[in-house]
Amino acid sequence: MSSERTRADQTVGRSTSGEAAVRGLTIALGGFVIITLADVAIKYALPTIGVAGALLWRGVAGSISVVILSRGRGLVPRNFKLILARSFLHCSLSILWYVVWLSGYALGDSYAIAAVAPLLMTLLAIPMLGERVGWRRWTSCAVGFVGVLVMLQPGGDLWRWDTGLLLIAVAGMAVSRIWMRVLAATDTPTTIAFWLMLAHIPLGLVVMPISALWPPTGQPDIIPSAGLFLLLCFFGASNAIAHLLFSRGYALASVATLAPLEYTPLLWGLVLGFAIFGEVPAWTTLGGALIVIAAGIYNVHRERVRRAEERAMHAAEA
């Protein structure tokens, strides 16, 4: 595993050509747009199909989509243990997201909390990828978590029990992102996306008895109407496409190039949440999110400076 992490770290942090970086940026941006639309679709459908239904539809439609798009090629994993671990971790996090949305959590509010993920990735890269973080990035991470406290102030809109679940999900999402970057050194985007989608099916079957107790609005209906059927097919297929794009984007461009895209779903989530669900976030949520994003963008800047210094040092030694 240590050698795999080393190769992954080199892959993630490598200097890419300008053309490859632009392609990676464009591809990953498309992934974030698509995943936001998929989130809107499932948030709309959740009160009807429940958590187990969301997992099963995502797994079935998503895995079939990957097979069709790849023509059944490139599905056998090389790093099977990590593929499996990441897939089931990601599915478990999906359960938390679905429960939070079923409880009435606004889309934009959930994305505001999710903006913490890049900061957590900076910290988790220390033990997981052996990266070093200087005092500047430590300070920016501390500032970012001040932004979290602004969002979570007692008595505020986000001071509620399900925010705790969401914070756990976001922390796990940071681990999942890092593992995806590790896997980019050994496995193809098709392999990573296929097994992630497929893992939703057994987990959906496991949680089905519990899901029958939720939502509180009534018994979930896993077999939906024709209109909802099309929406769920879109949900599963768009998730598959988004994760294919994520895996490909991270293989082409560096972390520092792609990191700012982690914040773009917040912008679209605010617009779509208001347009479709009538959700209006509190000013404390927006203010705290801006602090978190500013700290994250500064981390991106420091990462680029560090990579430039390393390249200059290697050039001088050569």
Protein backbone atom coordinates (compact mmCIF):
# COMPACT_ATOMS: atom_id res chain seq x y z
CA MET A 1 0.00 0.00 0.00
CA SER A 2 2.86 2.40 0.77
CA SER A 3 4.26 2.07 -2.76
CA GLU A 4 0.78 2.66 -4.19
CA ARG A 5 0.43 5.81 -2.10
CA THR A 6 3.80 7.02 -3.29
CA ARG A 7 2.86 6.49 -6.95
CA ALA A 8 -0.51 8.14 -6.36
CA ASP A 9 1.09 11.12 -4.67
CA GLN A 10 3.41 11.53 -7.61
CA THR A 11 0.47 11.25 -10.00
CA VAL A 12 -1.65 13.72 -8.10
CA GLY A 13 1.06 16.24 -7.57
CA ARG A 14 2.80 15.95 -10.90
CA SER A 15 3.32 18.88 -13.18
CA THR A 16 0.93 18.58 -16.09
CA SER A 17 1.14 20.31 -19.43
CA GLY A 18 -1.03 23.38 -19.92
CA GLU A 19 -3.20 21.59 -22.47
CA ALA A 20 -3.75 18.56 -20.22
CA ALA A 21 -4.51 20.78 -17.23
CA VAL A 22 -7.13 22.73 -19.19
CA ARG A 23 -8.73 19.48 -20.37
CA GLY A 24 -8.72 18.11 -16.83
CA LEU A 25 -10.25 21.33 -15.50
CA THR A 26 -13.00 21.27 -18.14
CA ILE A 27 -13.76 17.59 -17.59
CA ALA A 28 -13.93 17.89 -13.79
CA LEU A 29 -16.09 21.03 -14.05
CA GLY A 30 -18.55 19.08 -16.17
CA GLY A 31 -18.58 16.43 -13.45
CA PHE A 32 -19.49 18.95 -10.76
CA VAL A 33 -22.29 20.42 -12.87
CA ILE A 34 -23.74 16.98 -13.56
CA ILE A 35 -23.47 15.78 -9.94
CA THR A 36 -25.32 18.90 -8.78
CA LEU A 37 -28.18 18.16 -11.17
CA ALA A 38 -28.21 14.56 -9.92
CA ASP A 39 -28.45 15.80 -6.32
CA VAL A 40 -31.43 17.99 -7.23
CA ALA A 41 -33.13 14.99 -8.86
CA ILE A 42 -32.70 12.69 -5.87
CA LYS A 43 -33.62 15.35 -3.33
CA TYR A 44 -36.89 15.74 -5.20
CA ALA A 45 -37.47 11.96 -5.36
CA LEU A 46 -36.36 10.99 -1.83
CA PRO A 47 -39.71 11.57 -0.05
CA THR A 48 -41.25 9.03 -2.44
CA ILE A 49 -38.59 6.33 -2.81
CA GLY A 50 -36.72 6.57 0.51
CA VAL A 51 -33.05 5.96 1.24
CA ALA A 52 -32.96 2.33 0.06
CA GLY A 53 -34.70 3.26 -3.18
CA ALA A 54 -32.15 6.01 -3.84
CA LEU A 55 -29.27 3.59 -3.30
CA LEU A 56 -30.79 0.87 -5.49
CA TRP A 57 -31.69 3.19 -8.36
CA ARG A 58 -28.28 4.82 -8.25
CA GLY A 59 -26.56 1.44 -8.24
CA VAL A 60 -28.61 -0.20 -10.99
CA ALA A 61 -28.89 2.75 -13.38
CA GLY A 62 -25.35 3.91 -12.64
CA SER A 63 -23.58 0.59 -13.14
CA ILE A 64 -25.55 -0.16 -16.31
CA SER A 65 -24.61 3.28 -17.65
CA VAL A 66 -20.90 2.66 -17.03
CA VAL A 67 -21.10 -0.72 -18.79
CA ILE A 68 -22.84 0.84 -21.80
CA LEU A 69 -20.43 3.79 -22.02
CA SER A 70 -17.36 1.56 -21.64
CA ARG A 71 -18.79 -1.25 -23.81
CA GLY A 72 -18.00 -3.60 -20.96
CA ARG A 73 -14.26 -2.96 -21.09
CA GLY A 74 -11.92 -1.91 -18.29
CA LEU A 75 -14.14 -3.10 -15.43
CA VAL A 76 -11.65 -5.40 -13.67
CA PRO A 77 -9.87 -3.56 -10.84
CA ARG A 78 -6.17 -3.79 -10.08
CA ASN A 79 -6.23 -2.41 -6.55
CA PHE A 80 -9.33 -4.38 -5.60
CA LYS A 81 -9.12 -3.88 -1.84
CA LEU A 82 -8.98 -0.09 -2.08
CA ILE A 83 -11.62 -0.02 -4.82
CA LEU A 84 -13.95 -2.01 -2.56
CA ALA A 85 -13.17 0.01 0.56
CA ARG A 86 -13.70 3.34 -1.18
CA SER A 87 -16.88 2.19 -2.89
CA PHE A 88 -18.57 1.08 0.32
CA LEU A 89 -17.31 4.12 2.20
CA HIS A 90 -18.81 6.39 -0.46
CA CYS A 91 -22.10 4.48 -0.40
CA SER A 92 -22.27 4.78 3.39
CA LEU A 93 -21.77 8.52 3.08
CA SER A 94 -24.58 8.67 0.52
CA ILE A 95 -26.92 7.24 3.16
CA LEU A 96 -26.06 10.11 5.51
CA TRP A 97 -26.63 12.69 2.76
CA TYR A 98 -30.02 11.19 1.91
CA VAL A 99 -31.13 11.11 5.55
CA VAL A 100 -30.08 14.75 5.95
CA TRP A 101 -32.01 15.83 2.85
CA LEU A 102 -35.06 13.85 3.94
CA SER A 103 -34.99 15.73 7.25
CA GLY A 104 -35.56 18.95 5.32
CA TYR A 105 -31.97 20.22 4.97
CA ALA A 106 -31.69 22.80 2.19
CA LEU A 107 -29.52 21.99 -0.82
CA GLY A 108 -27.48 25.19 -0.56
CA ASP A 109 -26.98 24.71 3.19
CA SER A 110 -25.67 21.18 2.67
CA TYR A 111 -23.24 22.41 0.01
CA ALA A 112 -22.07 25.16 2.35
CA ILE A 113 -21.09 22.52 4.91
CA ALA A 114 -19.52 20.44 2.13
CA ALA A 115 -17.20 23.36 1.36
CA VAL A 116 -15.19 22.18 4.37
CA ALA A 117 -14.08 19.07 2.46
CA PRO A 118 -11.07 20.64 0.66
CA LEU A 119 -9.73 21.90 4.01
CA LEU A 120 -10.09 18.43 5.49
CA MET A 121 -8.35 16.99 2.43
CA THR A 122 -5.40 19.29 3.09
CA LEU A 123 -5.09 17.95 6.63
CA LEU A 124 -5.78 14.30 5.78
CA ALA A 125 -3.15 14.36 3.02
CA ILE A 126 -0.53 14.53 5.78
CA PRO A 127 -1.08 11.00 7.17
CA MET A 128 -2.59 9.47 4.01
CA LEU A 129 -0.24 10.77 1.32
CA GLY A 130 2.75 11.85 3.39
CA GLU A 131 2.39 15.50 2.37
CA ARG A 132 3.85 18.32 4.44
CA VAL A 133 1.73 21.31 5.40
CA GLY A 134 3.48 24.55 6.38
CA TRP A 135 2.34 27.11 8.91
CA ARG A 136 0.57 29.21 6.27
CA ARG A 137 -1.73 26.39 5.25
CA TRP A 138 -2.26 25.39 8.88
CA THR A 139 -3.33 28.98 9.55
CA SER A 140 -5.67 29.06 6.55
CA CYS A 141 -7.25 25.78 7.70
CA ALA A 142 -7.82 27.31 11.14
CA VAL A 143 -9.44 30.35 9.51
CA GLY A 144 -11.61 28.03 7.44
CA PHE A 145 -12.87 26.28 10.53
CA VAL A 146 -13.74 29.66 12.01
CA GLY A 147 -16.05 29.94 9.01
CA VAL A 148 -17.58 26.62 10.02
CA LEU A 149 -18.24 27.99 13.51
CA VAL A 150 -19.94 31.00 11.94
CA MET A 151 -22.26 28.65 10.04
CA LEU A 152 -22.88 26.45 13.08
CA GLN A 153 -23.37 29.12 15.71
CA PRO A 154 -25.83 28.11 18.47
CA GLY A 155 -29.34 29.18 17.60
CA GLY A 156 -28.54 29.57 13.91
CA ASP A 157 -30.31 27.87 11.00
CA LEU A 158 -27.71 25.08 10.86
CA TRP A 159 -27.65 24.42 14.61
CA ARG A 160 -29.56 21.13 14.32
CA TRP A 161 -29.01 17.42 14.84
CA ASP A 162 -28.66 16.49 11.16
CA THR A 163 -25.74 18.89 10.71
CA GLY A 164 -23.70 16.43 12.77
CA LEU A 165 -24.50 13.67 10.29
CA LEU A 166 -23.57 15.96 7.42
CA LEU A 167 -20.21 16.83 8.99
CA ILE A 168 -19.44 13.11 9.32
CA ALA A 169 -20.39 12.64 5.66
CA VAL A 170 -18.19 15.54 4.56
CA ALA A 171 -15.20 14.18 6.50
CA GLY A 172 -15.71 10.81 4.86
CA MET A 173 -16.05 12.51 1.48
CA ALA A 174 -12.60 14.04 1.96
CA VAL A 175 -11.17 10.56 2.58
CA SER A 176 -13.01 9.23 -0.48
CA ARG A 177 -11.55 12.01 -2.67
CA ILE A 178 -8.02 11.21 -1.50
CA TRP A 179 -8.55 7.50 -2.12
CA MET A 180 -9.78 8.32 -5.61
CA ARG A 181 -6.51 10.11 -6.25
CA VAL A 182 -4.60 7.12 -4.92
CA LEU A 183 -6.56 4.83 -7.23
CA ALA A 184 -5.79 7.06 -10.22
CA ALA A 185 -2.27 5.58 -10.14
CA THR A 186 -3.49 2.00 -10.63
CA ASP A 187 -7.04 1.91 -12.02
CA THR A 188 -8.97 3.49 -14.86
CA PRO A 189 -11.87 5.95 -14.44
CA THR A 190 -14.20 3.25 -15.78
CA THR A 191 -13.14 0.78 -13.09
CA ILE A 192 -13.44 3.31 -10.27
CA ALA A 193 -16.88 4.52 -11.37
CA PHE A 194 -18.30 1.05 -12.08
CA TRP A 195 -17.49 -0.46 -8.70
CA LEU A 196 -18.65 2.66 -6.91
CA MET A 197 -22.04 2.46 -8.62
CA LEU A 198 -22.31 -1.31 -8.17
CA ALA A 199 -21.65 -1.13 -4.43
CA HIS A 200 -24.87 0.85 -3.95
CA ILE A 201 -26.98 -2.25 -4.74
CA PRO A 202 -26.00 -4.55 -1.84
CA LEU A 203 -25.95 -1.64 0.58
CA GLY A 204 -29.41 -0.58 -0.59
CA LEU A 205 -30.71 -4.09 0.10
CA VAL A 206 -29.13 -4.07 3.57
CA VAL A 207 -30.73 -0.78 4.63
CA MET A 208 -34.11 -1.53 3.06
CA PRO A 209 -35.73 -2.70 6.34
CA ILE A 210 -34.57 0.48 8.08
CA SER A 211 -35.50 2.66 5.12
CA ALA A 212 -39.07 1.40 5.43
CA LEU A 213 -39.32 3.49 8.60
CA TRP A 214 -38.22 6.66 6.79
CA PRO A 215 -39.41 9.11 5.47
CA PRO A 216 -41.87 10.06 8.18
CA THR A 217 -44.27 11.27 5.45
CA GLY A 218 -45.22 7.69 4.58
CA GLN A 219 -44.07 4.31 3.30
CA PRO A 220 -41.42 4.70 0.57
CA ASP A 221 -42.28 3.42 -2.90
CA ILE A 222 -39.19 1.97 -4.59
CA ILE A 223 -41.17 1.28 -7.80
CA PRO A 224 -42.19 4.83 -8.82
CA SER A 225 -44.50 6.31 -11.40
CA ALA A 226 -43.42 6.68 -15.04
CA GLY A 227 -42.34 10.30 -14.63
CA LEU A 228 -40.30 9.57 -11.52
CA PHE A 229 -38.86 6.50 -13.21
CA LEU A 230 -37.28 8.71 -15.89
CA LEU A 231 -35.96 11.09 -13.23
CA LEU A 232 -34.34 8.21 -11.34
CA CYS A 233 -32.78 6.83 -14.51
CA PHE A 234 -31.30 10.29 -15.07
CA PHE A 235 -30.13 10.33 -11.44
CA GLY A 236 -28.26 7.03 -11.74
CA ALA A 237 -26.81 7.69 -15.19
CA SER A 238 -25.69 11.22 -14.32
CA ASN A 239 -23.93 9.95 -11.18
CA ALA A 240 -22.05 7.41 -13.27
CA ILE A 241 -21.04 10.02 -15.84
CA ALA A 242 -20.00 12.51 -13.15
CA HIS A 243 -17.71 9.99 -11.43
CA LEU A 244 -16.20 9.00 -14.76
CA LEU A 245 -15.44 12.67 -15.38
CA PHE A 246 -14.02 13.16 -11.87
CA SER A 247 -11.65 10.23 -12.23
CA ARG A 248 -10.52 11.37 -15.67
CA GLY A 249 -10.13 15.00 -14.61
CA TYR A 250 -7.96 14.12 -11.62
CA ALA A 251 -5.76 11.99 -13.87
CA LEU A 252 -5.10 14.93 -16.22
CA ALA A 253 -4.71 17.93 -13.89
CA SER A 254 -3.06 18.53 -10.55
CA VAL A 255 -4.86 18.88 -7.24
CA ALA A 256 -4.01 22.59 -7.08
CA THR A 257 -5.64 23.12 -10.47
CA LEU A 258 -8.85 21.28 -9.64
CA ALA A 259 -9.35 22.21 -5.97
CA PRO A 260 -11.34 25.45 -6.61
CA LEU A 261 -13.96 23.41 -8.46
CA GLU A 262 -14.92 21.79 -5.14
CA TYR A 263 -16.73 25.02 -4.31
CA THR A 264 -18.72 25.45 -7.52
CA PRO A 265 -21.66 23.21 -6.44
CA LEU A 266 -22.43 25.76 -3.72
CA LEU A 267 -23.15 28.40 -6.34
CA TRP A 268 -25.40 26.16 -8.43
CA GLY A 269 -26.94 24.63 -5.32
CA LEU A 270 -28.03 28.04 -4.07
CA VAL A 271 -29.63 28.90 -7.42
CA LEU A 272 -31.31 25.52 -7.96
CA GLY A 273 -32.36 25.22 -4.33
CA PHE A 274 -34.16 28.55 -4.55
CA ALA A 275 -35.65 27.93 -8.02
CA ILE A 276 -36.92 24.39 -7.36
CA PHE A 277 -37.42 24.09 -3.60
CA GLY A 278 -37.81 27.75 -2.58
CA GLU A 279 -34.84 27.51 -0.21
CA VAL A 280 -33.18 30.71 1.04
CA PRO A 281 -30.03 30.26 3.18
CA ALA A 282 -29.36 32.44 6.22
CA TRP A 283 -26.74 35.18 5.99
CA THR A 284 -24.62 33.34 8.58
CA THR A 285 -24.52 30.32 6.29
CA LEU A 286 -23.40 32.41 3.33
CA GLY A 287 -20.90 34.41 5.41
CA GLY A 288 -19.36 31.32 6.96
CA ALA A 289 -19.19 29.59 3.58
CA LEU A 290 -17.35 32.57 2.08
CA ILE A 291 -14.75 32.37 4.87
CA VAL A 292 -14.30 28.64 4.27
CA ILE A 293 -13.97 29.14 0.51
CA ALA A 294 -11.45 31.98 0.94
CA ALA A 295 -9.31 29.77 3.17
CA GLY A 296 -9.55 26.91 0.68
CA ILE A 297 -8.53 29.10 -2.24
CA TYR A 298 -5.54 30.33 -0.25
CA ASN A 299 -4.55 26.70 0.30
CA VAL A 300 -4.71 26.22 -3.47
CA HIS A 301 -2.41 29.23 -3.90
CA ARG A 302 0.09 27.84 -1.40
CA GLU A 303 -0.01 24.45 -3.11
CA ARG A 304 0.86 26.07 -6.45
CA VAL A 305 3.68 28.05 -4.86
CA ARG A 306 5.07 24.89 -3.24
CA ARG A 307 4.94 22.93 -6.50
CA ALA A 308 6.66 25.80 -8.36
CA GLU A 309 9.42 25.88 -5.74
CA GLU A 310 9.91 22.12 -6.04
CA ARG A 311 10.14 22.33 -9.84
CA ALA A 312 12.65 25.19 -9.60
CA MET A 313 14.77 23.22 -7.12
CA HIS A 314 14.78 20.10 -9.32
CA ALA A 315 15.67 22.22 -12.37
CA ALA A 316 18.57 23.78 -10.49
CA GLU A 317 19.83 20.37 -9.39
CA ALA A 318 19.65 19.08 -12.96
